[in-house]
Amino acid sequence: ETGAMYRALALKAIENDYDFDDEAPLMALAAQTRITLEPQVDG
């Protein structure tokens, strides 16, 4: 579920009070973020 990657990054942006409209800081945040998807039977 690739949309989970956007959700996870958005969650980190929320937790760190980032502006969703400013792309450059979000790119920098992504560079410091580790998102892992572990497929399970139900998702």
ModelCIF file with pLDDT and N, C-alpha, C, O atoms, coordinates in Angstrom:
data_MODEL
#
_entry.id   MODEL 
#
_entity.id                         1 
_entity.type                       polymer 
_entity.pdbx_number_of_molecules   1 
#
_entity_poly.entity_id                      1 
_entity_poly.type                           'polypeptide(L)' 
_entity_poly.nstd_linkage                   no 
_entity_poly.nstd_monomer                   no 
_entity_poly.pdbx_seq_one_letter_code       ETGAMYRALALKAIENDYDFDDEAPLMALAAQTRITLEPQVDG 
_entity_poly.pdbx_seq_one_letter_code_can   ETGAMYRALALKAIENDYDFDDEAPLMALAAQTRITLEPQVDG 
_entity_poly.pdbx_strand_id                 A 
#
loop_
_entity_poly_seq.entity_id 
_entity_poly_seq.num 
_entity_poly_seq.mon_id 
_entity_poly_seq.hetero 
1 1  GLU n 
1 2  THR n 
1 3  GLY n 
1 4  ALA n 
1 5  MET n 
1 6  TYR n 
1 7  ARG n 
1 8  ALA n 
1 9  LEU n 
1 10 ALA n 
1 11 LEU n 
1 12 LYS n 
1 13 ALA n 
1 14 ILE n 
1 15 GLU n 
1 16 ASN n 
1 17 ASP n 
1 18 TYR n 
1 19 ASP n 
1 20 PHE n 
1 21 ASP n 
1 22 ASP n 
1 23 GLU n 
1 24 ALA n 
1 25 PRO n 
1 26 LEU n 
1 27 MET n 
1 28 ALA n 
1 29 LEU n 
1 30 ALA n 
1 31 ALA n 
1 32 GLN n 
1 33 THR n 
1 34 ARG n 
1 35 ILE n 
1 36 THR n 
1 37 LEU n 
1 38 GLU n 
1 39 PRO n 
1 40 GLN n 
1 41 VAL n 
1 42 ASP n 
1 43 GLY n 
#
_struct_asym.id          A 
_struct_asym.entity_id   1 
#
loop_
_ma_qa_metric.id 
_ma_qa_metric.mode 
_ma_qa_metric.name 
_ma_qa_metric.software_group_id 
_ma_qa_metric.type 
1 global pLDDT . pLDDT 
2 local  pLDDT . pLDDT 
#
_ma_qa_metric_global.metric_id      1 
_ma_qa_metric_global.metric_value   90.35 
_ma_qa_metric_global.model_id       1 
_ma_qa_metric_global.ordinal_id     1 
#
loop_
_ma_qa_metric_local.label_asym_id 
_ma_qa_metric_local.label_comp_id 
_ma_qa_metric_local.label_seq_id 
_ma_qa_metric_local.metric_id 
_ma_qa_metric_local.metric_value 
_ma_qa_metric_local.model_id 
_ma_qa_metric_local.ordinal_id 
A GLU 1  2 82.00 1 1  
A THR 2  2 82.00 1 2  
A GLY 3  2 85.00 1 3  
A ALA 4  2 90.00 1 4  
A MET 5  2 91.00 1 5  
A TYR 6  2 93.00 1 6  
A ARG 7  2 95.00 1 7  
A ALA 8  2 96.00 1 8  
A LEU 9  2 96.00 1 9  
A ALA 10 2 97.00 1 10 
A LEU 11 2 97.00 1 11 
A LYS 12 2 97.00 1 12 
A ALA 13 2 97.00 1 13 
A ILE 14 2 97.00 1 14 
A GLU 15 2 97.00 1 15 
A ASN 16 2 96.00 1 16 
A ASP 17 2 96.00 1 17 
A TYR 18 2 96.00 1 18 
A ASP 19 2 95.00 1 19 
A PHE 20 2 94.00 1 20 
A ASP 21 2 93.00 1 21 
A ASP 22 2 95.00 1 22 
A GLU 23 2 96.00 1 23 
A ALA 24 2 96.00 1 24 
A PRO 25 2 96.00 1 25 
A LEU 26 2 96.00 1 26 
A MET 27 2 96.00 1 27 
A ALA 28 2 96.00 1 28 
A LEU 29 2 95.00 1 29 
A ALA 30 2 94.00 1 30 
A ALA 31 2 91.00 1 31 
A GLN 32 2 92.00 1 32 
A THR 33 2 92.00 1 33 
A ARG 34 2 92.00 1 34 
A ILE 35 2 91.00 1 35 
A THR 36 2 88.00 1 36 
A LEU 37 2 86.00 1 37 
A GLU 38 2 84.00 1 38 
A PRO 39 2 74.00 1 39 
A GLN 40 2 73.00 1 40 
A VAL 41 2 66.00 1 41 
A ASP 42 2 66.00 1 42 
A GLY 43 2 68.00 1 43 
#
loop_
_atom_site.group_PDB 
_atom_site.id 
_atom_site.type_symbol 
_atom_site.label_atom_id 
_atom_site.label_alt_id 
_atom_site.label_comp_id 
_atom_site.label_asym_id 
_atom_site.label_entity_id 
_atom_site.label_seq_id 
_atom_site.pdbx_PDB_ins_code 
_atom_site.Cartn_x 
_atom_site.Cartn_y 
_atom_site.Cartn_z 
_atom_site.occupancy 
_atom_site.B_iso_or_equiv 
_atom_site.pdbx_formal_charge 
_atom_site.auth_seq_id 
_atom_site.auth_comp_id 
_atom_site.auth_asym_id 
_atom_site.auth_atom_id 
_atom_site.pdbx_PDB_model_num 
ATOM 1   N N  . GLU A 1 1  ? 0.853  -1.196  0.000  1.00 82.00 ? 1  GLU A N  1 
ATOM 2   C CA . GLU A 1 1  ? 0.000  0.000   0.000  1.00 82.00 ? 1  GLU A CA 1 
ATOM 3   C C  . GLU A 1 1  ? 0.886  1.243   0.000  1.00 82.00 ? 1  GLU A C  1 
ATOM 4   O O  . GLU A 1 1  ? 1.305  1.720   1.055  1.00 82.00 ? 1  GLU A O  1 
ATOM 5   N N  . THR A 1 2  ? 1.163  1.753   -1.182 1.00 82.00 ? 2  THR A N  1 
ATOM 6   C CA . THR A 1 2  ? 2.121  2.850   -1.298 1.00 82.00 ? 2  THR A CA 1 
ATOM 7   C C  . THR A 1 2  ? 1.619  4.148   -0.677 1.00 82.00 ? 2  THR A C  1 
ATOM 8   O O  . THR A 1 2  ? 2.419  4.990   -0.270 1.00 82.00 ? 2  THR A O  1 
ATOM 9   N N  . GLY A 1 3  ? 0.300  4.315   -0.602 1.00 85.00 ? 3  GLY A N  1 
ATOM 10  C CA . GLY A 1 3  ? -0.232 5.526   0.026  1.00 85.00 ? 3  GLY A CA 1 
ATOM 11  C C  . GLY A 1 3  ? 0.182  5.651   1.479  1.00 85.00 ? 3  GLY A C  1 
ATOM 12  O O  . GLY A 1 3  ? 0.215  6.752   2.028  1.00 85.00 ? 3  GLY A O  1 
ATOM 13  N N  . ALA A 1 4  ? 0.498  4.519   2.105  1.00 90.00 ? 4  ALA A N  1 
ATOM 14  C CA . ALA A 1 4  ? 0.951  4.551   3.499  1.00 90.00 ? 4  ALA A CA 1 
ATOM 15  C C  . ALA A 1 4  ? 2.244  5.319   3.641  1.00 90.00 ? 4  ALA A C  1 
ATOM 16  O O  . ALA A 1 4  ? 2.524  5.863   4.709  1.00 90.00 ? 4  ALA A O  1 
ATOM 17  N N  . MET A 1 5  ? 3.050  5.375   2.569  1.00 91.00 ? 5  MET A N  1 
ATOM 18  C CA . MET A 1 5  ? 4.306  6.122   2.629  1.00 91.00 ? 5  MET A CA 1 
ATOM 19  C C  . MET A 1 5  ? 4.030  7.615   2.773  1.00 91.00 ? 5  MET A C  1 
ATOM 20  O O  . MET A 1 5  ? 4.687  8.300   3.557  1.00 91.00 ? 5  MET A O  1 
ATOM 21  N N  . TYR A 1 6  ? 3.050  8.120   2.011  1.00 93.00 ? 6  TYR A N  1 
ATOM 22  C CA . TYR A 1 6  ? 2.686  9.533   2.126  1.00 93.00 ? 6  TYR A CA 1 
ATOM 23  C C  . TYR A 1 6  ? 2.090  9.821   3.505  1.00 93.00 ? 6  TYR A C  1 
ATOM 24  O O  . TYR A 1 6  ? 2.367  10.857  4.109  1.00 93.00 ? 6  TYR A O  1 
ATOM 25  N N  . ARG A 1 7  ? 1.276  8.900   3.987  1.00 95.00 ? 7  ARG A N  1 
ATOM 26  C CA . ARG A 1 7  ? 0.655  9.098   5.293  1.00 95.00 ? 7  ARG A CA 1 
ATOM 27  C C  . ARG A 1 7  ? 1.708  9.134   6.395  1.00 95.00 ? 7  ARG A C  1 
ATOM 28  O O  . ARG A 1 7  ? 1.629  9.953   7.311  1.00 95.00 ? 7  ARG A O  1 
ATOM 29  N N  . ALA A 1 8  ? 2.697  8.243   6.303  1.00 96.00 ? 8  ALA A N  1 
ATOM 30  C CA . ALA A 1 8  ? 3.733  8.197   7.327  1.00 96.00 ? 8  ALA A CA 1 
ATOM 31  C C  . ALA A 1 8  ? 4.549  9.486   7.336  1.00 96.00 ? 8  ALA A C  1 
ATOM 32  O O  . ALA A 1 8  ? 4.845  10.030  8.399  1.00 96.00 ? 8  ALA A O  1 
ATOM 33  N N  . LEU A 1 9  ? 4.908  9.969   6.158  1.00 96.00 ? 9  LEU A N  1 
ATOM 34  C CA . LEU A 1 9  ? 5.652  11.230  6.091  1.00 96.00 ? 9  LEU A CA 1 
ATOM 35  C C  . LEU A 1 9  ? 4.793  12.385  6.595  1.00 96.00 ? 9  LEU A C  1 
ATOM 36  O O  . LEU A 1 9  ? 5.285  13.275  7.289  1.00 96.00 ? 9  LEU A O  1 
ATOM 37  N N  . ALA A 1 10 ? 3.498  12.370  6.241  1.00 97.00 ? 10 ALA A N  1 
ATOM 38  C CA . ALA A 1 10 ? 2.594  13.419  6.723  1.00 97.00 ? 10 ALA A CA 1 
ATOM 39  C C  . ALA A 1 10 ? 2.495  13.397  8.240  1.00 97.00 ? 10 ALA A C  1 
ATOM 40  O O  . ALA A 1 10 ? 2.445  14.449  8.877  1.00 97.00 ? 10 ALA A O  1 
ATOM 41  N N  . LEU A 1 11 ? 2.468  12.202  8.822  1.00 97.00 ? 11 LEU A N  1 
ATOM 42  C CA . LEU A 1 11 ? 2.417  12.092  10.276 1.00 97.00 ? 11 LEU A CA 1 
ATOM 43  C C  . LEU A 1 11 ? 3.650  12.709  10.907 1.00 97.00 ? 11 LEU A C  1 
ATOM 44  O O  . LEU A 1 11 ? 3.550  13.414  11.911 1.00 97.00 ? 11 LEU A O  1 
ATOM 45  N N  . LYS A 1 12 ? 4.806  12.451  10.328 1.00 97.00 ? 12 LYS A N  1 
ATOM 46  C CA . LYS A 1 12 ? 6.036  13.031  10.875 1.00 97.00 ? 12 LYS A CA 1 
ATOM 47  C C  . LYS A 1 12 ? 6.012  14.552  10.742 1.00 97.00 ? 12 LYS A C  1 
ATOM 48  O O  . LYS A 1 12 ? 6.488  15.261  11.628 1.00 97.00 ? 12 LYS A O  1 
ATOM 49  N N  . ALA A 1 13 ? 5.459  15.052  9.637  1.00 97.00 ? 13 ALA A N  1 
ATOM 50  C CA . ALA A 1 13 ? 5.334  16.497  9.450  1.00 97.00 ? 13 ALA A CA 1 
ATOM 51  C C  . ALA A 1 13 ? 4.411  17.101  10.508 1.00 97.00 ? 13 ALA A C  1 
ATOM 52  O O  . ALA A 1 13 ? 4.677  18.183  11.031 1.00 97.00 ? 13 ALA A O  1 
ATOM 53  N N  . ILE A 1 14 ? 3.324  16.390  10.817 1.00 97.00 ? 14 ILE A N  1 
ATOM 54  C CA . ILE A 1 14 ? 2.408  16.857  11.864 1.00 97.00 ? 14 ILE A CA 1 
ATOM 55  C C  . ILE A 1 14 ? 3.121  16.912  13.207 1.00 97.00 ? 14 ILE A C  1 
ATOM 56  O O  . ILE A 1 14 ? 3.037  17.904  13.931 1.00 97.00 ? 14 ILE A O  1 
ATOM 57  N N  . GLU A 1 15 ? 3.821  15.837  13.526 1.00 97.00 ? 15 GLU A N  1 
ATOM 58  C CA . GLU A 1 15 ? 4.481  15.747  14.832 1.00 97.00 ? 15 GLU A CA 1 
ATOM 59  C C  . GLU A 1 15 ? 5.579  16.794  15.014 1.00 97.00 ? 15 GLU A C  1 
ATOM 60  O O  . GLU A 1 15 ? 5.902  17.180  16.137 1.00 97.00 ? 15 GLU A O  1 
ATOM 61  N N  . ASN A 1 16 ? 6.149  17.250  13.889 1.00 96.00 ? 16 ASN A N  1 
ATOM 62  C CA . ASN A 1 16 ? 7.218  18.240  13.956 1.00 96.00 ? 16 ASN A CA 1 
ATOM 63  C C  . ASN A 1 16 ? 6.765  19.630  13.534 1.00 96.00 ? 16 ASN A C  1 
ATOM 64  O O  . ASN A 1 16 ? 7.582  20.529  13.338 1.00 96.00 ? 16 ASN A O  1 
ATOM 65  N N  . ASP A 1 17 ? 5.434  19.798  13.396 1.00 96.00 ? 17 ASP A N  1 
ATOM 66  C CA . ASP A 1 17 ? 4.832  21.106  13.111 1.00 96.00 ? 17 ASP A CA 1 
ATOM 67  C C  . ASP A 1 17 ? 5.366  21.726  11.817 1.00 96.00 ? 17 ASP A C  1 
ATOM 68  O O  . ASP A 1 17 ? 5.706  22.909  11.781 1.00 96.00 ? 17 ASP A O  1 
ATOM 69  N N  . TYR A 1 18 ? 5.436  20.916  10.758 1.00 96.00 ? 18 TYR A N  1 
ATOM 70  C CA . TYR A 1 18 ? 5.877  21.413  9.457  1.00 96.00 ? 18 TYR A CA 1 
ATOM 71  C C  . TYR A 1 18 ? 4.706  22.009  8.684  1.00 96.00 ? 18 TYR A C  1 
ATOM 72  O O  . TYR A 1 18 ? 3.553  21.621  8.877  1.00 96.00 ? 18 TYR A O  1 
ATOM 73  N N  . ASP A 1 19 ? 5.024  22.959  7.807  1.00 95.00 ? 19 ASP A N  1 
ATOM 74  C CA . ASP A 1 19 ? 4.033  23.561  6.928  1.00 95.00 ? 19 ASP A CA 1 
ATOM 75  C C  . ASP A 1 19 ? 3.850  22.647  5.710  1.00 95.00 ? 19 ASP A C  1 
ATOM 76  O O  . ASP A 1 19 ? 4.807  22.391  4.979  1.00 95.00 ? 19 ASP A O  1 
ATOM 77  N N  . PHE A 1 20 ? 2.636  22.159  5.493  1.00 94.00 ? 20 PHE A N  1 
ATOM 78  C CA . PHE A 1 20 ? 2.387  21.240  4.386  1.00 94.00 ? 20 PHE A CA 1 
ATOM 79  C C  . PHE A 1 20 ? 2.558  21.906  3.020  1.00 94.00 ? 20 PHE A C  1 
ATOM 80  O O  . PHE A 1 20 ? 2.736  21.218  2.015  1.00 94.00 ? 20 PHE A O  1 
ATOM 81  N N  . ASP A 1 21 ? 2.506  23.232  2.976  1.00 93.00 ? 21 ASP A N  1 
ATOM 82  C CA . ASP A 1 21 ? 2.590  23.944  1.703  1.00 93.00 ? 21 ASP A CA 1 
ATOM 83  C C  . ASP A 1 21 ? 4.017  24.248  1.272  1.00 93.00 ? 21 ASP A C  1 
ATOM 84  O O  . ASP A 1 21 ? 4.231  24.722  0.157  1.00 93.00 ? 21 ASP A O  1 
ATOM 85  N N  . ASP A 1 22 ? 4.996  23.988  2.127  1.00 95.00 ? 22 ASP A N  1 
ATOM 86  C CA . ASP A 1 22 ? 6.392  24.328  1.838  1.00 95.00 ? 22 ASP A CA 1 
ATOM 87  C C  . ASP A 1 22 ? 7.150  23.055  1.501  1.00 95.00 ? 22 ASP A C  1 
ATOM 88  O O  . ASP A 1 22 ? 7.438  22.251  2.387  1.00 95.00 ? 22 ASP A O  1 
ATOM 89  N N  . GLU A 1 23 ? 7.475  22.865  0.228  1.00 96.00 ? 23 GLU A N  1 
ATOM 90  C CA . GLU A 1 23 ? 8.037  21.592  -0.214 1.00 96.00 ? 23 GLU A CA 1 
ATOM 91  C C  . GLU A 1 23 ? 9.469  21.347  0.257  1.00 96.00 ? 23 GLU A C  1 
ATOM 92  O O  . GLU A 1 23 ? 9.805  20.227  0.643  1.00 96.00 ? 23 GLU A O  1 
ATOM 93  N N  . ALA A 1 24 ? 10.313 22.369  0.230  1.00 96.00 ? 24 ALA A N  1 
ATOM 94  C CA . ALA A 1 24 ? 11.736 22.163  0.546  1.00 96.00 ? 24 ALA A CA 1 
ATOM 95  C C  . ALA A 1 24 ? 11.957 21.556  1.941  1.00 96.00 ? 24 ALA A C  1 
ATOM 96  O O  . ALA A 1 24 ? 12.717 20.595  2.064  1.00 96.00 ? 24 ALA A O  1 
ATOM 97  N N  . PRO A 1 25 ? 11.320 22.084  2.991  1.00 96.00 ? 25 PRO A N  1 
ATOM 98  C CA . PRO A 1 25 ? 11.497 21.453  4.307  1.00 96.00 ? 25 PRO A CA 1 
ATOM 99  C C  . PRO A 1 25 ? 10.956 20.022  4.358  1.00 96.00 ? 25 PRO A C  1 
ATOM 100 O O  . PRO A 1 25 ? 11.503 19.172  5.061  1.00 96.00 ? 25 PRO A O  1 
ATOM 101 N N  . LEU A 1 26 ? 9.884  19.761  3.612  1.00 96.00 ? 26 LEU A N  1 
ATOM 102 C CA . LEU A 1 26 ? 9.344  18.403  3.579  1.00 96.00 ? 26 LEU A CA 1 
ATOM 103 C C  . LEU A 1 26 ? 10.322 17.441  2.916  1.00 96.00 ? 26 LEU A C  1 
ATOM 104 O O  . LEU A 1 26 ? 10.449 16.291  3.335  1.00 96.00 ? 26 LEU A O  1 
ATOM 105 N N  . MET A 1 27 ? 11.017 17.915  1.876  1.00 96.00 ? 27 MET A N  1 
ATOM 106 C CA . MET A 1 27 ? 12.036 17.088  1.234  1.00 96.00 ? 27 MET A CA 1 
ATOM 107 C C  . MET A 1 27 ? 13.166 16.783  2.207  1.00 96.00 ? 27 MET A C  1 
ATOM 108 O O  . MET A 1 27 ? 13.663 15.658  2.273  1.00 96.00 ? 27 MET A O  1 
ATOM 109 N N  . ALA A 1 28 ? 13.562 17.804  2.962  1.00 96.00 ? 28 ALA A N  1 
ATOM 110 C CA . ALA A 1 28 ? 14.623 17.605  3.953  1.00 96.00 ? 28 ALA A CA 1 
ATOM 111 C C  . ALA A 1 28 ? 14.164 16.627  5.040  1.00 96.00 ? 28 ALA A C  1 
ATOM 112 O O  . ALA A 1 28 ? 14.938 15.794  5.511  1.00 96.00 ? 28 ALA A O  1 
ATOM 113 N N  . LEU A 1 29 ? 12.898 16.746  5.425  1.00 95.00 ? 29 LEU A N  1 
ATOM 114 C CA . LEU A 1 29 ? 12.348 15.834  6.437  1.00 95.00 ? 29 LEU A CA 1 
ATOM 115 C C  . LEU A 1 29 ? 12.356 14.400  5.911  1.00 95.00 ? 29 LEU A C  1 
ATOM 116 O O  . LEU A 1 29 ? 12.693 13.466  6.639  1.00 95.00 ? 29 LEU A O  1 
ATOM 117 N N  . ALA A 1 30 ? 11.984 14.233  4.646  1.00 94.00 ? 30 ALA A N  1 
ATOM 118 C CA . ALA A 1 30 ? 11.957 12.898  4.057  1.00 94.00 ? 30 ALA A CA 1 
ATOM 119 C C  . ALA A 1 30 ? 13.341 12.259  4.064  1.00 94.00 ? 30 ALA A C  1 
ATOM 120 O O  . ALA A 1 30 ? 13.474 11.052  4.270  1.00 94.00 ? 30 ALA A O  1 
ATOM 121 N N  . ALA A 1 31 ? 14.379 13.079  3.838  1.00 91.00 ? 31 ALA A N  1 
ATOM 122 C CA . ALA A 1 31 ? 15.744 12.561  3.812  1.00 91.00 ? 31 ALA A CA 1 
ATOM 123 C C  . ALA A 1 31 ? 16.168 12.006  5.167  1.00 91.00 ? 31 ALA A C  1 
ATOM 124 O O  . ALA A 1 31 ? 17.095 11.200  5.249  1.00 91.00 ? 31 ALA A O  1 
ATOM 125 N N  . GLN A 1 32 ? 15.493 12.435  6.225  1.00 92.00 ? 32 GLN A N  1 
ATOM 126 C CA . GLN A 1 32 ? 15.838 11.995  7.581  1.00 92.00 ? 32 GLN A CA 1 
ATOM 127 C C  . GLN A 1 32 ? 14.813 10.985  8.116  1.00 92.00 ? 32 GLN A C  1 
ATOM 128 O O  . GLN A 1 32 ? 14.760 10.715  9.316  1.00 92.00 ? 32 GLN A O  1 
ATOM 129 N N  . THR A 1 33 ? 14.016 10.444  7.223  1.00 92.00 ? 33 THR A N  1 
ATOM 130 C CA . THR A 1 33 ? 12.905 9.583   7.636  1.00 92.00 ? 33 THR A CA 1 
ATOM 131 C C  . THR A 1 33 ? 13.078 8.172   7.102  1.00 92.00 ? 33 THR A C  1 
ATOM 132 O O  . THR A 1 33 ? 13.492 7.978   5.959  1.00 92.00 ? 33 THR A O  1 
ATOM 133 N N  . ARG A 1 34 ? 12.767 7.205   7.919  1.00 92.00 ? 34 ARG A N  1 
ATOM 134 C CA . ARG A 1 34 ? 12.828 5.805   7.510  1.00 92.00 ? 34 ARG A CA 1 
ATOM 135 C C  . ARG A 1 34 ? 11.424 5.219   7.592  1.00 92.00 ? 34 ARG A C  1 
ATOM 136 O O  . ARG A 1 34 ? 10.859 5.082   8.677  1.00 92.00 ? 34 ARG A O  1 
ATOM 137 N N  . ILE A 1 35 ? 10.874 4.879   6.446  1.00 91.00 ? 35 ILE A N  1 
ATOM 138 C CA . ILE A 1 35 ? 9.533  4.295   6.362  1.00 91.00 ? 35 ILE A CA 1 
ATOM 139 C C  . ILE A 1 35 ? 9.655  2.873   5.837  1.00 91.00 ? 35 ILE A C  1 
ATOM 140 O O  . ILE A 1 35 ? 10.247 2.635   4.785  1.00 91.00 ? 35 ILE A O  1 
ATOM 141 N N  . THR A 1 36 ? 9.089  1.934   6.580  1.00 88.00 ? 36 THR A N  1 
ATOM 142 C CA . THR A 1 36 ? 9.161  0.532   6.206  1.00 88.00 ? 36 THR A CA 1 
ATOM 143 C C  . THR A 1 36 ? 7.755  -0.041  6.091  1.00 88.00 ? 36 THR A C  1 
ATOM 144 O O  . THR A 1 36 ? 6.927  0.143   6.983  1.00 88.00 ? 36 THR A O  1 
ATOM 145 N N  . LEU A 1 37 ? 7.491  -0.735  4.991  1.00 86.00 ? 37 LEU A N  1 
ATOM 146 C CA . LEU A 1 37 ? 6.222  -1.432  4.805  1.00 86.00 ? 37 LEU A CA 1 
ATOM 147 C C  . LEU A 1 37 ? 6.474  -2.921  4.979  1.00 86.00 ? 37 LEU A C  1 
ATOM 148 O O  . LEU A 1 37 ? 7.303  -3.506  4.281  1.00 86.00 ? 37 LEU A O  1 
ATOM 149 N N  . GLU A 1 38 ? 5.762  -3.523  5.904  1.00 84.00 ? 38 GLU A N  1 
ATOM 150 C CA . GLU A 1 38 ? 5.883  -4.963  6.135  1.00 84.00 ? 38 GLU A CA 1 
ATOM 151 C C  . GLU A 1 38 ? 4.561  -5.621  5.767  1.00 84.00 ? 38 GLU A C  1 
ATOM 152 O O  . GLU A 1 38 ? 3.607  -5.570  6.543  1.00 84.00 ? 38 GLU A O  1 
ATOM 153 N N  . PRO A 1 39 ? 4.494  -6.238  4.592  1.00 74.00 ? 39 PRO A N  1 
ATOM 154 C CA . PRO A 1 39 ? 3.223  -6.858  4.150  1.00 74.00 ? 39 PRO A CA 1 
ATOM 155 C C  . PRO A 1 39 ? 2.738  -7.908  5.136  1.00 74.00 ? 39 PRO A C  1 
ATOM 156 O O  . PRO A 1 39 ? 3.504  -8.762  5.583  1.00 74.00 ? 39 PRO A O  1 
ATOM 157 N N  . GLN A 1 40 ? 1.449  -7.832  5.469  1.00 73.00 ? 40 GLN A N  1 
ATOM 158 C CA . GLN A 1 40 ? 0.799  -8.793  6.350  1.00 73.00 ? 40 GLN A CA 1 
ATOM 159 C C  . GLN A 1 40 ? -0.374 -9.416  5.599  1.00 73.00 ? 40 GLN A C  1 
ATOM 160 O O  . GLN A 1 40 ? -0.712 -8.985  4.496  1.00 73.00 ? 40 GLN A O  1 
ATOM 161 N N  . VAL A 1 41 ? -0.980 -10.410 6.187  1.00 66.00 ? 41 VAL A N  1 
ATOM 162 C CA . VAL A 1 41 ? -2.107 -11.075 5.537  1.00 66.00 ? 41 VAL A CA 1 
ATOM 163 C C  . VAL A 1 41 ? -3.245 -10.099 5.270  1.00 66.00 ? 41 VAL A C  1 
ATOM 164 O O  . VAL A 1 41 ? -3.899 -10.175 4.230  1.00 66.00 ? 41 VAL A O  1 
ATOM 165 N N  . ASP A 1 42 ? -3.484 -9.181  6.206  1.00 66.00 ? 42 ASP A N  1 
ATOM 166 C CA . ASP A 1 42 ? -4.628 -8.280  6.090  1.00 66.00 ? 42 ASP A CA 1 
ATOM 167 C C  . ASP A 1 42 ? -4.219 -6.848  5.765  1.00 66.00 ? 42 ASP A C  1 
ATOM 168 O O  . ASP A 1 42 ? -4.981 -5.922  6.042  1.00 66.00 ? 42 ASP A O  1 
ATOM 169 N N  . GLY A 1 43 ? -3.043 -6.640  5.190  1.00 68.00 ? 43 GLY A N  1 
ATOM 170 C CA . GLY A 1 43 ? -2.619 -5.298  4.826  1.00 68.00 ? 43 GLY A CA 1 
ATOM 171 C C  . GLY A 1 43 ? -1.141 -5.106  5.064  1.00 68.00 ? 43 GLY A C  1 
ATOM 172 O O  . GLY A 1 43 ? -0.609 -4.026  4.810  1.00 68.00 ? 43 GLY A O  1 
#
